[in-house]
Amino acid sequence: MIIQPTFLNGVFEIENLSFQDHRGKFIKTYQANKFEESGLEFSIKENFYSVSKRGVLRGMHFQLPPHDHAKLVYVTQGEILDVAVDIRKGSSSFGSYYATYLSSDNARSMYMAKGFAHGFLTISELAVVVYSTNTLHVPESDAGIRWDSFGFDWGIEFPLISERDSSLLTIAALSLMYESLADKNES
């Protein structure tokens, strides 16, 4: 397992251990000691997966503090374009994004620390995406930003998105909300 930092502090791309023979493939997607060696504190509290058809865009989701979480994402079937956006209040890279292709063929994962919105676009006919988080999902803390509000070119004009995802805040509105909270705290 090779854990590589990206240009966004808190986002890592992981080359998982992959073994293949005449029976098929075996892939190790998490190894606590390797994460610890890379300075990543990650204890899985919840694990789930989604099944999406080509053109489905899910995101950009996150949990609000104090229920925000780090997330580990990988694909067991198909291929996705996976994207993380820095939404950390006061971060010098606020609004910056990192994108990579994750697939069952390349056996890579993406790890995002707390403070990143996450989403993906399904590239293959079908994709099964596994998510592991270090906190439990709290519906009242569920939040997100619009997929088309932070300057990323998804390469698709009309993705299939949920009604919820189409009504999320823009990243500009999130930034204004942070400023408003800072102003109230100074008063």
N, C-alpha and C. Protein backbone atom coordinates (compact mmCIF):
# COMPACT_ATOMS: atom_id res chain seq x y z
N MET A 1 0.85 -1.17 0.00
CA MET A 1 0.00 0.00 0.00
C MET A 1 0.89 1.23 0.00
N ILE A 2 0.68 2.09 -1.00
CA ILE A 2 1.46 3.32 -1.11
C ILE A 2 0.49 4.48 -0.96
N ILE A 3 0.71 5.31 0.07
CA ILE A 3 -0.16 6.45 0.36
C ILE A 3 0.58 7.71 -0.06
N GLN A 4 0.06 8.37 -1.10
CA GLN A 4 0.70 9.55 -1.68
C GLN A 4 -0.11 10.81 -1.38
N PRO A 5 0.52 11.83 -0.77
CA PRO A 5 -0.20 13.09 -0.59
C PRO A 5 -0.41 13.76 -1.95
N THR A 6 -1.48 14.52 -2.06
CA THR A 6 -1.74 15.31 -3.27
C THR A 6 -1.37 16.75 -2.96
N PHE A 7 -1.57 17.65 -3.90
CA PHE A 7 -1.27 19.06 -3.67
C PHE A 7 -2.24 19.69 -2.67
N LEU A 8 -3.35 19.02 -2.36
CA LEU A 8 -4.29 19.53 -1.36
C LEU A 8 -3.97 18.87 -0.02
N ASN A 9 -3.56 19.66 0.94
CA ASN A 9 -3.24 19.14 2.26
C ASN A 9 -4.48 18.47 2.86
N GLY A 10 -4.40 17.17 3.12
CA GLY A 10 -5.54 16.43 3.67
C GLY A 10 -6.16 15.46 2.69
N VAL A 11 -5.74 15.49 1.43
CA VAL A 11 -6.25 14.56 0.42
C VAL A 11 -5.09 13.68 -0.04
N PHE A 12 -5.32 12.38 -0.03
CA PHE A 12 -4.29 11.41 -0.39
C PHE A 12 -4.83 10.43 -1.42
N GLU A 13 -3.99 10.06 -2.37
CA GLU A 13 -4.32 9.00 -3.32
C GLU A 13 -3.55 7.76 -2.88
N ILE A 14 -4.24 6.63 -2.88
CA ILE A 14 -3.66 5.41 -2.34
C ILE A 14 -3.62 4.33 -3.41
N GLU A 15 -2.42 3.77 -3.60
CA GLU A 15 -2.26 2.59 -4.45
C GLU A 15 -2.38 1.39 -3.54
N ASN A 16 -3.48 0.67 -3.67
CA ASN A 16 -3.73 -0.48 -2.80
C ASN A 16 -2.93 -1.69 -3.25
N LEU A 17 -2.67 -2.56 -2.29
CA LEU A 17 -2.02 -3.83 -2.61
C LEU A 17 -2.99 -4.66 -3.43
N SER A 18 -2.54 -5.14 -4.55
CA SER A 18 -3.39 -5.90 -5.46
C SER A 18 -2.65 -7.16 -5.90
N PHE A 19 -3.31 -8.28 -5.76
CA PHE A 19 -2.73 -9.57 -6.15
C PHE A 19 -3.68 -10.24 -7.13
N GLN A 20 -3.14 -10.74 -8.21
CA GLN A 20 -3.98 -11.36 -9.23
C GLN A 20 -3.36 -12.68 -9.67
N ASP A 21 -4.21 -13.69 -9.84
CA ASP A 21 -3.77 -14.97 -10.39
C ASP A 21 -4.92 -15.58 -11.18
N HIS A 22 -4.81 -16.84 -11.49
CA HIS A 22 -5.81 -17.50 -12.34
C HIS A 22 -7.21 -17.53 -11.70
N ARG A 23 -7.31 -17.29 -10.39
CA ARG A 23 -8.61 -17.30 -9.71
C ARG A 23 -9.31 -15.95 -9.76
N GLY A 24 -8.52 -14.90 -9.92
CA GLY A 24 -9.08 -13.55 -9.90
C GLY A 24 -8.16 -12.59 -9.19
N LYS A 25 -8.76 -11.64 -8.44
CA LYS A 25 -8.00 -10.57 -7.79
C LYS A 25 -8.27 -10.52 -6.29
N PHE A 26 -7.26 -10.06 -5.55
CA PHE A 26 -7.38 -9.79 -4.12
C PHE A 26 -6.79 -8.41 -3.90
N ILE A 27 -7.56 -7.51 -3.27
CA ILE A 27 -7.12 -6.13 -3.06
C ILE A 27 -7.31 -5.75 -1.60
N LYS A 28 -6.25 -5.24 -0.99
CA LYS A 28 -6.31 -4.76 0.39
C LYS A 28 -6.52 -3.25 0.34
N THR A 29 -7.65 -2.78 0.92
CA THR A 29 -8.02 -1.37 0.82
C THR A 29 -7.77 -0.57 2.08
N TYR A 30 -7.43 -1.23 3.17
CA TYR A 30 -7.16 -0.49 4.41
C TYR A 30 -6.20 -1.28 5.27
N GLN A 31 -5.22 -0.59 5.80
CA GLN A 31 -4.24 -1.19 6.69
C GLN A 31 -3.87 -0.12 7.72
N ALA A 32 -4.36 -0.27 8.95
CA ALA A 32 -4.23 0.76 9.99
C ALA A 32 -2.79 1.22 10.17
N ASN A 33 -1.84 0.30 10.21
CA ASN A 33 -0.45 0.71 10.45
C ASN A 33 0.10 1.57 9.30
N LYS A 34 -0.29 1.31 8.07
CA LYS A 34 0.17 2.13 6.94
C LYS A 34 -0.41 3.54 7.03
N PHE A 35 -1.67 3.63 7.43
CA PHE A 35 -2.29 4.94 7.61
C PHE A 35 -1.56 5.71 8.71
N GLU A 36 -1.32 5.05 9.83
CA GLU A 36 -0.63 5.69 10.96
C GLU A 36 0.77 6.15 10.56
N GLU A 37 1.50 5.33 9.79
CA GLU A 37 2.83 5.71 9.32
C GLU A 37 2.80 6.95 8.46
N SER A 38 1.66 7.17 7.77
CA SER A 38 1.50 8.35 6.93
C SER A 38 0.88 9.53 7.68
N GLY A 39 0.68 9.36 8.98
CA GLY A 39 0.13 10.44 9.80
C GLY A 39 -1.37 10.59 9.69
N LEU A 40 -2.06 9.56 9.19
CA LEU A 40 -3.51 9.62 9.02
C LEU A 40 -4.20 8.88 10.16
N GLU A 41 -4.98 9.59 10.94
CA GLU A 41 -5.77 8.97 12.00
C GLU A 41 -7.11 8.59 11.39
N PHE A 42 -7.34 7.29 11.27
CA PHE A 42 -8.58 6.85 10.62
C PHE A 42 -9.04 5.54 11.24
N SER A 43 -10.13 5.62 11.95
CA SER A 43 -10.75 4.44 12.55
C SER A 43 -12.15 4.35 11.97
N ILE A 44 -12.43 3.31 11.24
CA ILE A 44 -13.70 3.20 10.52
C ILE A 44 -14.87 3.02 11.49
N LYS A 45 -15.85 3.93 11.36
CA LYS A 45 -17.07 3.87 12.18
C LYS A 45 -18.29 3.48 11.35
N GLU A 46 -18.21 3.72 10.02
CA GLU A 46 -19.34 3.40 9.16
C GLU A 46 -18.80 3.06 7.77
N ASN A 47 -19.45 2.11 7.13
CA ASN A 47 -19.03 1.65 5.81
C ASN A 47 -20.30 1.43 4.99
N PHE A 48 -20.34 1.96 3.78
CA PHE A 48 -21.50 1.78 2.91
C PHE A 48 -21.06 1.84 1.46
N TYR A 49 -21.97 1.51 0.54
CA TYR A 49 -21.64 1.60 -0.89
C TYR A 49 -22.84 2.07 -1.68
N SER A 50 -22.55 2.61 -2.87
CA SER A 50 -23.60 3.03 -3.79
C SER A 50 -23.39 2.31 -5.11
N VAL A 51 -24.48 2.15 -5.83
CA VAL A 51 -24.45 1.57 -7.18
C VAL A 51 -25.04 2.64 -8.10
N SER A 52 -24.26 3.04 -9.10
CA SER A 52 -24.69 4.12 -9.98
C SER A 52 -24.45 3.76 -11.43
N LYS A 53 -25.36 4.23 -12.29
CA LYS A 53 -25.18 3.98 -13.72
C LYS A 53 -24.42 5.13 -14.37
N ARG A 54 -23.98 4.92 -15.61
CA ARG A 54 -23.20 5.92 -16.34
C ARG A 54 -23.91 7.28 -16.34
N GLY A 55 -23.12 8.33 -16.08
CA GLY A 55 -23.66 9.69 -16.11
C GLY A 55 -24.22 10.18 -14.78
N VAL A 56 -24.28 9.30 -13.77
CA VAL A 56 -24.76 9.72 -12.45
C VAL A 56 -23.66 10.50 -11.75
N LEU A 57 -24.02 11.66 -11.23
CA LEU A 57 -23.11 12.47 -10.45
C LEU A 57 -23.68 12.56 -9.04
N ARG A 58 -22.92 12.10 -8.07
CA ARG A 58 -23.32 12.18 -6.66
C ARG A 58 -22.38 13.17 -5.97
N GLY A 59 -22.96 14.17 -5.33
CA GLY A 59 -22.12 15.10 -4.59
C GLY A 59 -22.53 16.54 -4.82
N MET A 60 -21.87 17.33 -4.13
CA MET A 60 -20.64 17.26 -3.35
C MET A 60 -21.02 17.27 -1.86
N HIS A 61 -20.86 16.18 -1.18
CA HIS A 61 -21.39 15.99 0.16
C HIS A 61 -20.34 16.11 1.25
N PHE A 62 -20.81 16.49 2.43
CA PHE A 62 -19.98 16.52 3.65
C PHE A 62 -20.90 16.57 4.85
N GLN A 63 -20.33 16.35 6.03
CA GLN A 63 -21.04 16.46 7.30
C GLN A 63 -20.53 17.70 8.02
N LEU A 64 -21.42 18.45 8.60
CA LEU A 64 -21.05 19.64 9.36
C LEU A 64 -20.46 19.26 10.71
N PRO A 65 -19.52 20.09 11.23
CA PRO A 65 -19.00 19.84 12.57
C PRO A 65 -20.14 19.92 13.59
N PRO A 66 -20.11 19.18 14.65
CA PRO A 66 -19.00 18.35 15.11
C PRO A 66 -19.04 16.92 14.56
N HIS A 67 -19.90 16.68 13.57
CA HIS A 67 -20.05 15.33 13.03
C HIS A 67 -19.31 15.15 11.71
N ASP A 68 -18.44 16.10 11.36
CA ASP A 68 -17.67 15.99 10.11
C ASP A 68 -16.77 14.76 10.18
N HIS A 69 -16.42 14.25 9.01
CA HIS A 69 -15.64 13.02 9.01
C HIS A 69 -14.59 12.98 7.91
N ALA A 70 -13.59 12.17 8.18
CA ALA A 70 -12.65 11.77 7.14
C ALA A 70 -13.31 10.64 6.37
N LYS A 71 -12.90 10.48 5.10
CA LYS A 71 -13.56 9.49 4.24
C LYS A 71 -12.53 8.78 3.38
N LEU A 72 -12.72 7.48 3.22
CA LEU A 72 -11.92 6.65 2.33
C LEU A 72 -12.86 6.09 1.27
N VAL A 73 -12.52 6.28 -0.01
CA VAL A 73 -13.40 5.89 -1.11
C VAL A 73 -12.64 5.01 -2.09
N TYR A 74 -13.28 3.93 -2.54
CA TYR A 74 -12.71 3.09 -3.60
C TYR A 74 -13.83 2.43 -4.38
N VAL A 75 -13.48 1.85 -5.53
CA VAL A 75 -14.46 1.29 -6.46
C VAL A 75 -14.22 -0.22 -6.58
N THR A 76 -15.30 -1.00 -6.42
CA THR A 76 -15.18 -2.45 -6.56
C THR A 76 -15.65 -2.94 -7.93
N GLN A 77 -16.40 -2.09 -8.63
CA GLN A 77 -16.84 -2.42 -9.99
C GLN A 77 -16.99 -1.14 -10.78
N GLY A 78 -16.40 -1.08 -11.98
CA GLY A 78 -16.56 0.07 -12.84
C GLY A 78 -15.50 1.15 -12.62
N GLU A 79 -15.86 2.39 -13.04
CA GLU A 79 -14.92 3.51 -12.96
C GLU A 79 -15.67 4.80 -12.67
N ILE A 80 -15.03 5.64 -11.85
CA ILE A 80 -15.60 6.95 -11.52
C ILE A 80 -14.53 8.03 -11.65
N LEU A 81 -14.98 9.25 -11.81
CA LEU A 81 -14.15 10.44 -11.67
C LEU A 81 -14.46 10.96 -10.27
N ASP A 82 -13.49 10.86 -9.36
CA ASP A 82 -13.69 11.18 -7.95
C ASP A 82 -13.10 12.55 -7.65
N VAL A 83 -13.85 13.38 -6.91
CA VAL A 83 -13.45 14.77 -6.69
C VAL A 83 -13.61 15.15 -5.21
N ALA A 84 -12.58 15.82 -4.68
CA ALA A 84 -12.63 16.38 -3.33
C ALA A 84 -12.41 17.89 -3.44
N VAL A 85 -13.19 18.67 -2.69
CA VAL A 85 -13.09 20.13 -2.69
C VAL A 85 -12.83 20.61 -1.26
N ASP A 86 -11.85 21.45 -1.11
CA ASP A 86 -11.51 22.01 0.20
C ASP A 86 -12.59 23.01 0.61
N ILE A 87 -13.27 22.71 1.72
CA ILE A 87 -14.30 23.62 2.24
C ILE A 87 -13.96 24.03 3.68
N ARG A 88 -12.70 23.90 4.05
CA ARG A 88 -12.28 24.24 5.41
C ARG A 88 -12.28 25.75 5.59
N LYS A 89 -13.03 26.18 6.58
CA LYS A 89 -13.13 27.61 6.90
C LYS A 89 -11.74 28.16 7.19
N GLY A 90 -11.35 29.22 6.47
CA GLY A 90 -10.06 29.86 6.67
C GLY A 90 -8.89 29.18 5.97
N SER A 91 -9.14 28.12 5.23
CA SER A 91 -8.06 27.41 4.54
C SER A 91 -7.54 28.25 3.37
N SER A 92 -6.23 28.26 3.20
CA SER A 92 -5.64 29.00 2.07
C SER A 92 -5.98 28.35 0.74
N SER A 93 -6.41 27.10 0.77
CA SER A 93 -6.79 26.42 -0.48
C SER A 93 -8.31 26.21 -0.58
N PHE A 94 -9.08 27.01 0.19
CA PHE A 94 -10.55 26.91 0.14
C PHE A 94 -11.02 27.00 -1.31
N GLY A 95 -11.87 26.07 -1.71
CA GLY A 95 -12.42 26.06 -3.06
C GLY A 95 -11.56 25.30 -4.06
N SER A 96 -10.35 24.94 -3.68
CA SER A 96 -9.49 24.14 -4.58
C SER A 96 -9.98 22.70 -4.58
N TYR A 97 -9.74 22.03 -5.68
CA TYR A 97 -10.21 20.64 -5.80
C TYR A 97 -9.10 19.73 -6.29
N TYR A 98 -9.31 18.45 -6.00
CA TYR A 98 -8.43 17.40 -6.51
C TYR A 98 -9.33 16.35 -7.14
N ALA A 99 -8.97 15.90 -8.33
CA ALA A 99 -9.77 14.89 -9.02
C ALA A 99 -8.87 13.76 -9.50
N THR A 100 -9.41 12.56 -9.47
CA THR A 100 -8.67 11.39 -9.95
C THR A 100 -9.68 10.33 -10.40
N TYR A 101 -9.21 9.42 -11.22
CA TYR A 101 -10.05 8.30 -11.64
C TYR A 101 -9.80 7.13 -10.71
N LEU A 102 -10.88 6.58 -10.17
CA LEU A 102 -10.81 5.37 -9.37
C LEU A 102 -11.59 4.29 -10.11
N SER A 103 -11.03 3.09 -10.13
CA SER A 103 -11.71 2.00 -10.83
C SER A 103 -11.37 0.66 -10.20
N SER A 104 -12.16 -0.33 -10.57
CA SER A 104 -11.86 -1.69 -10.12
C SER A 104 -10.57 -2.18 -10.78
N ASP A 105 -10.22 -1.63 -11.93
CA ASP A 105 -8.98 -2.03 -12.61
C ASP A 105 -7.74 -1.42 -11.96
N ASN A 106 -7.78 -0.12 -11.61
CA ASN A 106 -6.57 0.49 -11.06
C ASN A 106 -6.42 0.29 -9.55
N ALA A 107 -7.48 -0.18 -8.89
CA ALA A 107 -7.45 -0.55 -7.46
C ALA A 107 -6.89 0.57 -6.58
N ARG A 108 -7.22 1.81 -6.90
CA ARG A 108 -6.79 2.95 -6.10
C ARG A 108 -7.92 3.42 -5.19
N SER A 109 -7.54 4.14 -4.15
CA SER A 109 -8.49 4.76 -3.23
C SER A 109 -8.16 6.23 -3.10
N MET A 110 -9.12 6.99 -2.59
CA MET A 110 -8.85 8.38 -2.23
C MET A 110 -9.28 8.55 -0.78
N TYR A 111 -8.39 9.20 -0.02
CA TYR A 111 -8.66 9.53 1.38
C TYR A 111 -8.78 11.03 1.49
N MET A 112 -9.83 11.49 2.18
CA MET A 112 -10.04 12.91 2.42
C MET A 112 -10.18 13.12 3.91
N ALA A 113 -9.43 14.06 4.46
CA ALA A 113 -9.56 14.43 5.87
C ALA A 113 -10.88 15.17 6.07
N LYS A 114 -11.17 15.50 7.31
CA LYS A 114 -12.34 16.34 7.59
C LYS A 114 -12.16 17.66 6.86
N GLY A 115 -13.28 18.25 6.42
CA GLY A 115 -13.21 19.56 5.79
C GLY A 115 -13.18 19.53 4.27
N PHE A 116 -13.55 18.41 3.69
CA PHE A 116 -13.62 18.31 2.23
C PHE A 116 -14.99 17.84 1.81
N ALA A 117 -15.53 18.48 0.78
CA ALA A 117 -16.75 18.00 0.14
C ALA A 117 -16.32 16.93 -0.86
N HIS A 118 -17.15 15.92 -1.04
CA HIS A 118 -16.79 14.80 -1.91
C HIS A 118 -17.93 14.50 -2.87
N GLY A 119 -17.54 14.14 -4.10
CA GLY A 119 -18.51 13.69 -5.08
C GLY A 119 -17.83 12.94 -6.20
N PHE A 120 -18.64 12.31 -7.04
CA PHE A 120 -18.07 11.57 -8.16
C PHE A 120 -19.05 11.47 -9.32
N LEU A 121 -18.49 11.24 -10.49
CA LEU A 121 -19.25 11.02 -11.72
C LEU A 121 -18.97 9.60 -12.19
N THR A 122 -20.01 8.84 -12.49
CA THR A 122 -19.83 7.48 -12.98
C THR A 122 -19.47 7.51 -14.46
N ILE A 123 -18.32 6.92 -14.77
CA ILE A 123 -17.78 6.90 -16.14
C ILE A 123 -18.20 5.62 -16.86
N SER A 124 -18.16 4.50 -16.15
CA SER A 124 -18.48 3.20 -16.74
C SER A 124 -20.00 2.98 -16.81
N GLU A 125 -20.40 1.90 -17.42
CA GLU A 125 -21.82 1.56 -17.52
C GLU A 125 -22.48 1.49 -16.15
N LEU A 126 -21.73 0.95 -15.18
CA LEU A 126 -22.19 0.81 -13.80
C LEU A 126 -20.97 0.91 -12.89
N ALA A 127 -21.14 1.52 -11.71
CA ALA A 127 -20.03 1.59 -10.75
C ALA A 127 -20.54 1.32 -9.35
N VAL A 128 -19.78 0.52 -8.62
CA VAL A 128 -20.05 0.27 -7.20
C VAL A 128 -18.94 0.98 -6.42
N VAL A 129 -19.34 1.97 -5.62
CA VAL A 129 -18.40 2.80 -4.89
C VAL A 129 -18.58 2.54 -3.39
N VAL A 130 -17.46 2.22 -2.73
CA VAL A 130 -17.47 1.94 -1.29
C VAL A 130 -16.92 3.16 -0.55
N TYR A 131 -17.59 3.55 0.52
CA TYR A 131 -17.19 4.68 1.36
C TYR A 131 -16.99 4.16 2.78
N SER A 132 -15.91 4.55 3.40
CA SER A 132 -15.70 4.30 4.83
C SER A 132 -15.48 5.64 5.48
N THR A 133 -16.13 5.86 6.63
CA THR A 133 -15.98 7.13 7.33
C THR A 133 -15.58 6.89 8.78
N ASN A 134 -14.98 7.90 9.39
CA ASN A 134 -14.55 7.75 10.78
C ASN A 134 -15.53 8.34 11.78
N THR A 135 -16.71 8.74 11.32
CA THR A 135 -17.81 9.12 12.21
C THR A 135 -19.09 8.51 11.64
N LEU A 136 -20.11 8.45 12.47
CA LEU A 136 -21.41 7.97 12.01
C LEU A 136 -22.15 9.10 11.30
N HIS A 137 -22.96 8.74 10.33
CA HIS A 137 -23.78 9.72 9.61
C HIS A 137 -24.84 10.28 10.56
N VAL A 138 -24.95 11.60 10.60
CA VAL A 138 -25.96 12.29 11.40
C VAL A 138 -26.78 13.12 10.42
N PRO A 139 -28.03 12.72 10.16
CA PRO A 139 -28.85 13.40 9.14
C PRO A 139 -28.93 14.93 9.30
N GLU A 140 -28.99 15.42 10.55
CA GLU A 140 -29.08 16.87 10.77
C GLU A 140 -27.80 17.59 10.38
N SER A 141 -26.69 16.88 10.29
CA SER A 141 -25.40 17.48 9.93
C SER A 141 -25.04 17.26 8.47
N ASP A 142 -25.92 16.61 7.73
CA ASP A 142 -25.68 16.33 6.32
C ASP A 142 -25.75 17.62 5.52
N ALA A 143 -24.74 17.87 4.70
CA ALA A 143 -24.69 19.11 3.92
C ALA A 143 -23.98 18.86 2.60
N GLY A 144 -23.88 19.90 1.79
CA GLY A 144 -23.19 19.77 0.52
C GLY A 144 -23.14 21.08 -0.23
N ILE A 145 -22.36 21.07 -1.29
CA ILE A 145 -22.31 22.21 -2.21
C ILE A 145 -22.65 21.70 -3.61
N ARG A 146 -23.13 22.60 -4.43
CA ARG A 146 -23.49 22.21 -5.80
C ARG A 146 -22.27 21.74 -6.58
N TRP A 147 -22.48 20.73 -7.38
CA TRP A 147 -21.44 20.10 -8.20
C TRP A 147 -20.86 21.05 -9.23
N ASP A 148 -21.63 22.07 -9.63
CA ASP A 148 -21.21 22.97 -10.70
C ASP A 148 -20.83 24.36 -10.18
N SER A 149 -20.49 24.46 -8.87
CA SER A 149 -20.26 25.79 -8.31
C SER A 149 -18.81 26.10 -7.96
N PHE A 150 -17.87 25.20 -8.26
CA PHE A 150 -16.49 25.44 -7.83
C PHE A 150 -15.48 25.40 -8.97
N GLY A 151 -15.97 25.49 -10.21
CA GLY A 151 -15.09 25.66 -11.36
C GLY A 151 -14.50 24.39 -11.95
N PHE A 152 -14.96 23.23 -11.52
CA PHE A 152 -14.42 21.98 -12.05
C PHE A 152 -15.17 21.59 -13.32
N ASP A 153 -14.44 21.14 -14.35
CA ASP A 153 -15.05 20.67 -15.59
C ASP A 153 -15.23 19.15 -15.50
N TRP A 154 -16.45 18.75 -15.29
CA TRP A 154 -16.79 17.32 -15.16
C TRP A 154 -16.77 16.61 -16.50
N GLY A 155 -16.77 17.35 -17.59
CA GLY A 155 -16.77 16.73 -18.91
C GLY A 155 -18.14 16.21 -19.34
N ILE A 156 -19.18 16.69 -18.68
CA ILE A 156 -20.54 16.27 -19.02
C ILE A 156 -21.46 17.48 -18.81
N GLU A 157 -22.34 17.70 -19.76
CA GLU A 157 -23.22 18.88 -19.67
C GLU A 157 -24.43 18.63 -18.77
N PHE A 158 -25.03 17.45 -18.89
CA PHE A 158 -26.24 17.15 -18.14
C PHE A 158 -26.12 15.83 -17.39
N PRO A 159 -25.42 15.85 -16.25
CA PRO A 159 -25.31 14.62 -15.47
C PRO A 159 -26.66 14.27 -14.83
N LEU A 160 -26.80 13.03 -14.43
CA LEU A 160 -27.98 12.59 -13.70
C LEU A 160 -27.72 12.88 -12.22
N ILE A 161 -28.50 13.81 -11.65
CA ILE A 161 -28.30 14.18 -10.26
C ILE A 161 -29.62 14.12 -9.51
N SER A 162 -29.53 13.98 -8.21
CA SER A 162 -30.73 13.94 -7.39
C SER A 162 -31.29 15.34 -7.22
N GLU A 163 -32.56 15.40 -6.83
CA GLU A 163 -33.19 16.70 -6.56
C GLU A 163 -32.46 17.40 -5.43
N ARG A 164 -32.08 16.64 -4.41
CA ARG A 164 -31.34 17.20 -3.27
C ARG A 164 -30.04 17.83 -3.73
N ASP A 165 -29.25 17.10 -4.54
CA ASP A 165 -27.96 17.62 -4.99
C ASP A 165 -28.10 18.86 -5.87
N SER A 166 -29.19 18.96 -6.62
CA SER A 166 -29.37 20.13 -7.47
C SER A 166 -29.77 21.37 -6.67
N SER A 167 -30.20 21.17 -5.41
CA SER A 167 -30.63 22.32 -4.60
C SER A 167 -29.64 22.68 -3.50
N LEU A 168 -28.43 22.12 -3.53
CA LEU A 168 -27.43 22.44 -2.52
C LEU A 168 -26.91 23.86 -2.69
N LEU A 169 -26.27 24.39 -1.65
CA LEU A 169 -25.63 25.71 -1.70
C LEU A 169 -24.50 25.73 -2.72
N THR A 170 -24.19 26.89 -3.22
CA THR A 170 -22.98 27.04 -4.04
C THR A 170 -21.80 27.19 -3.08
N ILE A 171 -20.61 27.01 -3.58
CA ILE A 171 -19.43 27.20 -2.73
C ILE A 171 -19.30 28.67 -2.33
N ALA A 172 -19.75 29.59 -3.19
CA ALA A 172 -19.72 31.02 -2.85
C ALA A 172 -20.65 31.30 -1.67
N ALA A 173 -21.83 30.67 -1.66
CA ALA A 173 -22.77 30.85 -0.55
C ALA A 173 -22.20 30.27 0.74
N LEU A 174 -21.50 29.15 0.64
CA LEU A 174 -20.85 28.56 1.82
C LEU A 174 -19.79 29.51 2.37
N SER A 175 -19.01 30.12 1.50
CA SER A 175 -17.98 31.07 1.90
C SER A 175 -18.61 32.27 2.61
N LEU A 176 -19.71 32.78 2.07
CA LEU A 176 -20.41 33.91 2.70
C LEU A 176 -20.96 33.51 4.08
N MET A 177 -21.44 32.28 4.18
CA MET A 177 -21.95 31.79 5.46
C MET A 177 -20.82 31.76 6.49
N TYR A 178 -19.65 31.30 6.09
CA TYR A 178 -18.48 31.30 6.98
C TYR A 178 -18.14 32.72 7.43
N GLU A 179 -18.15 33.67 6.48
CA GLU A 179 -17.85 35.06 6.81
C GLU A 179 -18.87 35.63 7.79
N SER A 180 -20.13 35.30 7.58
CA SER A 180 -21.20 35.77 8.46
C SER A 180 -21.02 35.22 9.87
N LEU A 181 -20.65 33.94 9.97
CA LEU A 181 -20.42 33.33 11.28
C LEU A 181 -19.22 33.97 11.97
N ALA A 182 -18.18 34.27 11.21
CA ALA A 182 -16.99 34.92 11.77
C ALA A 182 -17.32 36.31 12.28
N ASP A 183 -18.16 37.05 11.52
CA ASP A 183 -18.57 38.38 11.93
C ASP A 183 -19.37 38.33 13.24
N LYS A 184 -20.26 37.35 13.37
CA LYS A 184 -21.08 37.20 14.59
C LYS A 184 -20.19 36.86 15.78
N ASN A 185 -19.18 36.04 15.55
CA ASN A 185 -18.28 35.65 16.64
C ASN A 185 -17.42 36.81 17.11
N GLU A 186 -17.12 37.76 16.22
CA GLU A 186 -16.32 38.93 16.57
C GLU A 186 -17.12 39.96 17.34
N SER A 187 -18.46 39.91 17.17
CA SER A 187 -19.33 40.91 17.82
C SER A 187 -19.47 40.67 19.30
